[in-house]
């Protein structure tokens, strides 16, 4: 287990020392039992799953930011 920073910006997400723009992000969700943000990203024509530990208090705010920047909602 390591603590990596999660940065959500207008042009993409920095997670686990990797940057993914919103075109690469295909699906995302939260594992509430372990407080993980789970993302399915497409990188070099290959789908991979990324998991980032977050706090339960931040789940709603993170979801709102991703929806705002990716889906314009």
N, C-alpha and C. Protein backbone atom coordinates (compact mmCIF):
# COMPACT_ATOMS: atom_id res chain seq x y z
N UNK A 1 0.85 -1.17 0.00
CA UNK A 1 0.00 0.00 0.00
C UNK A 1 0.89 1.24 0.00
N UNK A 2 0.61 2.13 -0.92
CA UNK A 2 1.34 3.39 -0.95
C UNK A 2 0.36 4.53 -1.08
N UNK A 3 0.77 5.69 -0.63
CA UNK A 3 -0.08 6.86 -0.74
C UNK A 3 0.42 7.71 -1.89
N UNK A 4 -0.35 7.74 -2.97
CA UNK A 4 -0.05 8.57 -4.12
C UNK A 4 -1.08 9.67 -4.19
N UNK A 5 -0.68 10.79 -4.74
CA UNK A 5 -1.60 11.90 -4.86
C UNK A 5 -2.55 11.67 -6.02
N UNK A 6 -3.75 12.15 -5.85
CA UNK A 6 -4.76 12.12 -6.90
C UNK A 6 -5.07 13.57 -7.21
N UNK A 7 -4.86 13.96 -8.46
CA UNK A 7 -5.15 15.32 -8.90
C UNK A 7 -6.15 15.26 -10.04
N UNK A 8 -7.24 15.99 -9.88
CA UNK A 8 -8.27 16.03 -10.91
C UNK A 8 -8.31 17.44 -11.46
N UNK A 9 -8.06 17.56 -12.76
CA UNK A 9 -8.04 18.87 -13.39
C UNK A 9 -8.97 18.94 -14.57
N UNK A 10 -8.99 20.08 -15.23
CA UNK A 10 -9.87 20.29 -16.37
C UNK A 10 -9.51 19.41 -17.56
N UNK A 11 -8.23 19.02 -17.67
CA UNK A 11 -7.79 18.25 -18.84
C UNK A 11 -7.52 16.79 -18.56
N UNK A 12 -7.62 16.35 -17.31
CA UNK A 12 -7.39 14.94 -17.02
C UNK A 12 -7.16 14.67 -15.55
N UNK A 13 -6.74 13.43 -15.28
CA UNK A 13 -6.53 12.96 -13.91
C UNK A 13 -5.11 12.45 -13.76
N UNK A 14 -4.45 12.88 -12.70
CA UNK A 14 -3.13 12.37 -12.35
C UNK A 14 -3.33 11.40 -11.20
N UNK A 15 -3.07 10.11 -11.46
CA UNK A 15 -3.27 9.07 -10.45
C UNK A 15 -2.16 8.06 -10.56
N UNK A 16 -1.62 7.63 -9.44
CA UNK A 16 -0.55 6.63 -9.40
C UNK A 16 0.63 7.03 -10.28
N UNK A 17 0.96 8.30 -10.27
CA UNK A 17 2.08 8.86 -11.04
C UNK A 17 1.88 8.76 -12.54
N UNK A 18 0.66 8.57 -12.99
CA UNK A 18 0.33 8.53 -14.42
C UNK A 18 -0.75 9.56 -14.70
N UNK A 19 -0.64 10.22 -15.87
CA UNK A 19 -1.64 11.18 -16.27
C UNK A 19 -2.55 10.56 -17.33
N UNK A 20 -3.85 10.69 -17.13
CA UNK A 20 -4.84 10.18 -18.07
C UNK A 20 -5.76 11.33 -18.45
N UNK A 21 -5.87 11.62 -19.76
CA UNK A 21 -6.84 12.63 -20.15
C UNK A 21 -8.22 11.98 -20.17
N UNK A 22 -9.25 12.80 -20.26
CA UNK A 22 -10.61 12.27 -20.14
C UNK A 22 -11.02 11.40 -21.32
N UNK A 23 -10.33 11.51 -22.45
CA UNK A 23 -10.61 10.62 -23.57
C UNK A 23 -10.16 9.19 -23.25
N UNK A 24 -9.14 9.04 -22.42
CA UNK A 24 -8.64 7.72 -22.03
C UNK A 24 -9.50 7.08 -20.95
N UNK A 25 -10.18 7.88 -20.17
CA UNK A 25 -11.01 7.38 -19.07
C UNK A 25 -12.32 6.86 -19.63
N UNK A 26 -12.53 5.56 -19.53
CA UNK A 26 -13.73 4.93 -20.08
C UNK A 26 -14.81 4.72 -19.02
N UNK A 27 -14.43 4.27 -17.83
CA UNK A 27 -15.38 4.03 -16.74
C UNK A 27 -14.70 4.38 -15.43
N UNK A 28 -15.51 4.73 -14.46
CA UNK A 28 -14.99 4.94 -13.12
C UNK A 28 -16.09 4.62 -12.12
N UNK A 29 -15.66 4.27 -10.94
CA UNK A 29 -16.59 3.95 -9.87
C UNK A 29 -15.85 3.90 -8.55
N UNK A 30 -16.57 3.61 -7.50
CA UNK A 30 -15.97 3.61 -6.17
C UNK A 30 -16.28 2.31 -5.47
N UNK A 31 -15.26 1.72 -4.86
CA UNK A 31 -15.43 0.55 -4.01
C UNK A 31 -15.60 1.08 -2.59
N UNK A 32 -16.83 1.10 -2.12
CA UNK A 32 -17.11 1.71 -0.82
C UNK A 32 -16.56 0.91 0.35
N UNK A 33 -16.33 -0.38 0.15
CA UNK A 33 -15.80 -1.18 1.26
C UNK A 33 -14.33 -0.86 1.53
N UNK A 34 -13.58 -0.53 0.49
CA UNK A 34 -12.15 -0.23 0.68
C UNK A 34 -11.83 1.23 0.39
N UNK A 35 -12.82 2.04 0.06
CA UNK A 35 -12.63 3.46 -0.27
C UNK A 35 -11.63 3.65 -1.41
N UNK A 36 -11.83 2.91 -2.50
CA UNK A 36 -10.97 3.04 -3.67
C UNK A 36 -11.74 3.66 -4.82
N UNK A 37 -11.06 4.53 -5.56
CA UNK A 37 -11.55 5.00 -6.85
C UNK A 37 -11.01 4.02 -7.87
N UNK A 38 -11.89 3.37 -8.61
CA UNK A 38 -11.50 2.38 -9.60
C UNK A 38 -11.82 2.95 -10.98
N UNK A 39 -10.82 3.02 -11.85
CA UNK A 39 -10.99 3.58 -13.18
C UNK A 39 -10.56 2.57 -14.23
N UNK A 40 -11.30 2.54 -15.32
CA UNK A 40 -10.89 1.75 -16.48
C UNK A 40 -10.40 2.75 -17.51
N UNK A 41 -9.12 2.63 -17.88
CA UNK A 41 -8.52 3.57 -18.83
C UNK A 41 -8.01 2.82 -20.05
N UNK A 42 -8.05 3.50 -21.18
CA UNK A 42 -7.54 2.93 -22.42
C UNK A 42 -6.23 3.64 -22.74
N UNK A 43 -5.15 2.88 -22.73
CA UNK A 43 -3.83 3.43 -22.98
C UNK A 43 -3.14 2.55 -24.01
N UNK A 44 -2.78 3.13 -25.14
CA UNK A 44 -2.12 2.39 -26.23
C UNK A 44 -2.96 1.20 -26.68
N UNK A 45 -4.25 1.45 -26.92
CA UNK A 45 -5.20 0.43 -27.39
C UNK A 45 -5.36 -0.75 -26.44
N UNK A 46 -5.11 -0.54 -25.17
CA UNK A 46 -5.25 -1.60 -24.18
C UNK A 46 -6.01 -1.05 -22.97
N UNK A 47 -7.03 -1.78 -22.53
CA UNK A 47 -7.79 -1.37 -21.36
C UNK A 47 -7.12 -1.89 -20.09
N UNK A 48 -6.93 -1.00 -19.14
CA UNK A 48 -6.36 -1.38 -17.86
C UNK A 48 -7.21 -0.79 -16.74
N UNK A 49 -7.13 -1.40 -15.58
CA UNK A 49 -7.83 -0.90 -14.40
C UNK A 49 -6.82 -0.24 -13.48
N UNK A 50 -7.18 0.93 -13.00
CA UNK A 50 -6.36 1.67 -12.04
C UNK A 50 -7.18 1.84 -10.77
N UNK A 51 -6.52 1.73 -9.64
CA UNK A 51 -7.19 1.88 -8.36
C UNK A 51 -6.41 2.88 -7.50
N UNK A 52 -7.13 3.82 -6.91
CA UNK A 52 -6.51 4.85 -6.08
C UNK A 52 -7.29 4.93 -4.77
N UNK A 53 -6.58 4.89 -3.65
CA UNK A 53 -7.22 4.97 -2.34
C UNK A 53 -7.65 6.42 -2.09
N UNK A 54 -8.91 6.59 -1.71
CA UNK A 54 -9.46 7.90 -1.36
C UNK A 54 -10.19 7.78 -0.03
N UNK A 55 -10.54 8.90 0.55
CA UNK A 55 -11.30 8.85 1.79
C UNK A 55 -12.80 8.81 1.47
N UNK A 56 -13.55 8.23 2.37
CA UNK A 56 -15.00 8.13 2.16
C UNK A 56 -15.64 9.51 2.05
N UNK A 57 -15.09 10.47 2.75
CA UNK A 57 -15.64 11.83 2.72
C UNK A 57 -15.45 12.50 1.36
N UNK A 58 -14.44 12.09 0.60
CA UNK A 58 -14.13 12.72 -0.68
C UNK A 58 -14.81 12.06 -1.88
N UNK A 59 -15.46 10.94 -1.69
CA UNK A 59 -16.02 10.18 -2.81
C UNK A 59 -17.00 11.02 -3.63
N UNK A 60 -17.93 11.68 -2.98
CA UNK A 60 -18.94 12.47 -3.70
C UNK A 60 -18.30 13.64 -4.44
N UNK A 61 -17.36 14.31 -3.80
CA UNK A 61 -16.70 15.45 -4.44
C UNK A 61 -15.87 15.01 -5.65
N UNK A 62 -15.17 13.90 -5.54
CA UNK A 62 -14.38 13.37 -6.66
C UNK A 62 -15.30 13.00 -7.82
N UNK A 63 -16.39 12.33 -7.52
CA UNK A 63 -17.34 11.94 -8.56
C UNK A 63 -17.92 13.18 -9.26
N UNK A 64 -18.25 14.21 -8.47
CA UNK A 64 -18.78 15.44 -9.06
C UNK A 64 -17.76 16.11 -9.98
N UNK A 65 -16.49 16.13 -9.59
CA UNK A 65 -15.46 16.76 -10.42
C UNK A 65 -15.26 15.99 -11.73
N UNK A 66 -15.23 14.66 -11.66
CA UNK A 66 -15.06 13.86 -12.87
C UNK A 66 -16.26 14.06 -13.80
N UNK A 67 -17.46 14.06 -13.25
CA UNK A 67 -18.65 14.29 -14.07
C UNK A 67 -18.63 15.68 -14.70
N UNK A 68 -18.17 16.66 -13.93
CA UNK A 68 -18.11 18.04 -14.43
C UNK A 68 -17.15 18.14 -15.62
N UNK A 69 -15.96 17.60 -15.48
CA UNK A 69 -14.94 17.77 -16.53
C UNK A 69 -15.09 16.79 -17.68
N UNK A 70 -15.50 15.56 -17.42
CA UNK A 70 -15.62 14.58 -18.48
C UNK A 70 -16.95 14.68 -19.22
N UNK A 71 -18.02 14.81 -18.46
CA UNK A 71 -19.36 14.77 -19.06
C UNK A 71 -20.00 16.16 -19.20
N UNK A 72 -19.34 17.20 -18.70
CA UNK A 72 -19.88 18.57 -18.71
C UNK A 72 -21.23 18.64 -18.02
N UNK A 73 -21.37 17.92 -16.90
CA UNK A 73 -22.62 17.93 -16.13
C UNK A 73 -22.41 18.56 -14.78
